[in-house]
Amino acid sequence: MTKRVILILFITAISFQACKQSNDQVPVVSEKVDSLSANTGNNEIIIANPIVYDVIIENLNKDDLWQEESLKNFSRQLLVNQYFQAVYNGEIEAYDLFTDQKMSREELKEFEQTVEFDRSKVGKIQFYEQWYLDTTTYQLRKQVKELVFGYHKLTTDSVMVGYKPVFRIYMKSK
């Protein structure tokens, strides 16, 4: 009986020791970055590099009043047209999301002429951002690194299937 109790205590002690987390295993973000703003000085730490998230920029469900309210002051078509025009003008470059190959103006033009695509269907932007936290003021600053535009795909019954990528834009650093 005593051997059994000793064995149980020994296994319990080893289990607690194995589960104990040392301080060097806890990730601490402490990388200082040069400030892009004179107001923040050099008190910023990177808290996300990158963070990736989607923003729906078109409400396909007009019964969704919350989404309608969220987008009421947003000029979706103006934004989409500006980026397309900038690609055509050679001011920015568009890349294929899956191959990461630069898309030529001709390839983009061909893509726009497909039956499946229309600029008015662009309803989502995926953001790749770096987030900074000023440790003095606790202001959060976000820097967009990449944008991916997506257009909605519907079934023949007009049921939303999902989104397909149009292109990726790498933002130029200032």
Protein backbone atom coordinates (compact mmCIF):
# COMPACT_ATOMS: atom_id res chain seq x y z
CA MET A 1 0.00 0.00 0.00
CA THR A 2 2.79 2.44 0.87
CA LYS A 3 4.53 1.73 -2.43
CA ARG A 4 1.32 2.61 -4.22
CA VAL A 5 0.92 5.92 -2.29
CA ILE A 6 4.56 6.82 -2.96
CA LEU A 7 4.12 6.02 -6.67
CA ILE A 8 0.97 8.19 -6.87
CA LEU A 9 2.72 11.08 -5.10
CA PHE A 10 5.73 10.73 -7.38
CA ILE A 11 3.56 10.76 -10.54
CA THR A 12 1.59 13.75 -9.20
CA ALA A 13 4.79 15.70 -8.48
CA ILE A 14 6.17 14.98 -11.96
CA SER A 15 2.84 16.00 -13.53
CA PHE A 16 2.84 19.34 -11.69
CA GLN A 17 6.45 19.96 -12.68
CA ALA A 18 5.74 19.15 -16.32
CA CYS A 19 2.74 21.52 -16.40
CA LYS A 20 4.63 24.36 -14.73
CA GLN A 21 5.28 27.13 -17.26
CA SER A 22 8.55 28.97 -17.03
CA ASN A 23 8.78 32.69 -17.72
CA ASP A 24 10.86 32.17 -20.85
CA GLN A 25 7.96 30.30 -22.48
CA VAL A 26 5.58 33.25 -22.19
CA PRO A 27 5.74 35.32 -25.37
CA VAL A 28 6.38 38.97 -24.60
CA VAL A 29 6.13 41.53 -27.35
CA SER A 30 8.70 44.19 -26.63
CA GLU A 31 10.17 45.11 -29.99
CA LYS A 32 10.64 48.89 -30.19
CA VAL A 33 9.93 50.48 -33.54
CA ASP A 34 10.73 53.83 -35.04
CA SER A 35 7.71 56.03 -34.89
CA LEU A 36 6.10 57.22 -38.11
CA SER A 37 4.45 60.03 -36.20
CA ALA A 38 6.20 62.82 -34.32
CA ASN A 39 3.48 62.65 -31.68
CA THR A 40 4.32 59.17 -30.45
CA GLY A 41 8.08 59.35 -30.02
CA ASN A 42 9.78 55.99 -29.67
CA ASN A 43 7.39 54.43 -27.16
CA GLU A 44 5.76 52.02 -29.58
CA ILE A 45 5.76 48.27 -29.52
CA ILE A 46 4.57 45.99 -32.28
CA ILE A 47 1.58 44.02 -31.09
CA ALA A 48 0.62 42.41 -34.41
CA ASN A 49 2.83 41.62 -37.37
CA PRO A 50 0.78 40.93 -39.35
CA ILE A 51 -2.80 40.73 -38.30
CA VAL A 52 -5.10 39.59 -41.11
CA TYR A 53 -8.80 40.27 -41.18
CA ASP A 54 -11.67 40.70 -43.63
CA VAL A 55 -13.96 43.69 -43.94
CA ILE A 56 -17.24 43.29 -45.76
CA ILE A 57 -17.74 46.47 -47.79
CA GLU A 58 -21.05 45.57 -49.46
CA ASN A 59 -24.20 44.48 -47.72
CA LEU A 60 -25.94 41.82 -49.79
CA ASN A 61 -28.67 41.42 -47.17
CA LYS A 62 -30.66 44.66 -47.04
CA ASP A 63 -32.54 43.27 -44.01
CA ASP A 64 -29.26 43.47 -42.07
CA LEU A 65 -29.80 46.95 -40.66
CA TRP A 66 -26.60 46.87 -38.59
CA GLN A 67 -24.48 46.29 -41.69
CA GLU A 68 -26.45 48.93 -43.60
CA GLU A 69 -25.78 51.45 -40.84
CA SER A 70 -22.08 50.50 -40.73
CA LEU A 71 -21.61 51.13 -44.45
CA LYS A 72 -23.85 54.17 -44.96
CA ASN A 73 -20.91 56.62 -45.15
CA PHE A 74 -18.61 54.40 -47.21
CA SER A 75 -18.01 55.01 -50.93
CA ARG A 76 -17.32 51.45 -51.99
CA GLN A 77 -17.42 51.97 -55.73
CA LEU A 78 -15.19 55.03 -55.50
CA LEU A 79 -12.56 53.06 -53.56
CA VAL A 80 -12.68 50.09 -55.94
CA ASN A 81 -12.49 52.31 -59.04
CA GLN A 82 -9.56 54.27 -57.60
CA TYR A 83 -7.50 51.10 -57.05
CA PHE A 84 -8.32 49.66 -60.46
CA GLN A 85 -7.45 52.97 -62.13
CA ALA A 86 -4.17 53.18 -60.19
CA VAL A 87 -3.24 49.70 -61.47
CA TYR A 88 -4.11 50.64 -65.05
CA ASN A 89 -2.13 53.89 -64.72
CA GLY A 90 0.92 51.99 -63.44
CA GLU A 91 0.87 53.82 -60.10
CA ILE A 92 0.53 50.56 -58.13
CA GLU A 93 0.96 46.90 -59.01
CA ALA A 94 -1.59 44.13 -58.68
CA TYR A 95 -0.58 40.56 -57.83
CA ASP A 96 -2.34 37.24 -58.17
CA LEU A 97 -3.28 36.06 -54.68
CA PHE A 98 -2.33 32.42 -55.24
CA THR A 99 0.81 32.68 -57.37
CA ASP A 100 2.01 36.08 -56.12
CA GLN A 101 2.87 36.88 -59.74
CA LYS A 102 2.50 40.47 -60.88
CA MET A 103 -0.59 40.92 -63.04
CA SER A 104 -0.13 42.88 -66.24
CA ARG A 105 -2.65 45.53 -67.24
CA GLU A 106 -3.74 43.23 -70.05
CA GLU A 107 -4.35 40.35 -67.63
CA LEU A 108 -6.43 42.60 -65.42
CA LYS A 109 -8.39 43.85 -68.42
CA GLU A 110 -9.04 40.23 -69.52
CA PHE A 111 -10.15 39.38 -65.99
CA GLU A 112 -12.57 42.30 -65.98
CA GLN A 113 -14.11 41.08 -69.24
CA THR A 114 -14.99 37.64 -67.87
CA VAL A 115 -18.69 36.89 -67.43
CA GLU A 116 -18.17 36.08 -63.75
CA PHE A 117 -16.62 39.40 -62.73
CA ASP A 118 -17.90 42.93 -62.45
CA ARG A 119 -16.40 45.68 -60.29
CA SER A 120 -19.78 46.20 -58.68
CA LYS A 121 -19.42 42.72 -57.15
CA VAL A 122 -16.34 43.69 -55.10
CA GLY A 123 -17.67 43.37 -51.57
CA LYS A 124 -14.76 42.42 -49.35
CA ILE A 125 -11.27 43.64 -48.53
CA GLN A 126 -8.77 41.51 -46.66
CA PHE A 127 -6.31 43.64 -44.70
CA TYR A 128 -2.77 42.65 -43.73
CA GLU A 129 -1.66 45.14 -41.10
CA GLN A 130 1.03 45.84 -38.58
CA TRP A 131 -0.30 47.20 -35.29
CA TYR A 132 1.66 49.42 -32.93
CA LEU A 133 0.84 50.35 -29.35
CA ASP A 134 2.23 53.51 -27.80
CA THR A 135 3.07 52.43 -24.26
CA THR A 136 2.83 56.00 -22.95
CA THR A 137 -0.48 57.16 -24.43
CA TYR A 138 -1.94 53.70 -25.20
CA GLN A 139 -2.89 54.90 -28.65
CA LEU A 140 -3.14 52.13 -31.23
CA ARG A 141 -1.71 52.77 -34.70
CA LYS A 142 -2.35 50.49 -37.63
CA GLN A 143 -0.29 50.35 -40.80
CA VAL A 144 -1.77 48.59 -43.81
CA LYS A 145 0.82 46.38 -45.50
CA GLU A 146 -1.37 44.61 -48.07
CA LEU A 147 -4.92 44.68 -49.41
CA VAL A 148 -6.76 41.86 -51.15
CA PHE A 149 -9.99 42.70 -52.92
CA GLY A 150 -12.67 40.02 -53.16
CA TYR A 151 -15.87 39.78 -55.17
CA HIS A 152 -18.98 37.85 -54.22
CA LYS A 153 -19.91 34.62 -55.92
CA LEU A 154 -23.61 33.76 -56.17
CA THR A 155 -25.43 30.62 -57.28
CA THR A 156 -27.95 30.76 -60.13
CA ASP A 157 -30.58 31.23 -57.39
CA SER A 158 -28.70 34.32 -56.12
CA VAL A 159 -27.56 32.56 -52.97
CA MET A 160 -24.21 33.77 -51.65
CA VAL A 161 -21.50 31.11 -51.98
CA GLY A 162 -18.52 33.16 -50.82
CA TYR A 163 -15.85 35.46 -52.15
CA LYS A 164 -13.12 35.03 -54.74
CA PRO A 165 -9.97 37.16 -54.85
CA VAL A 166 -9.48 39.85 -57.47
CA PHE A 167 -5.89 40.85 -56.71
CA ARG A 168 -3.43 41.73 -53.96
CA ILE A 169 -1.85 45.15 -53.53
CA TYR A 170 1.38 45.54 -51.56
CA MET A 171 1.45 48.97 -49.96
CA LYS A 172 4.58 51.01 -50.49
CA SER A 173 6.36 52.23 -47.36
CA LYS A 174 6.67 55.97 -47.03
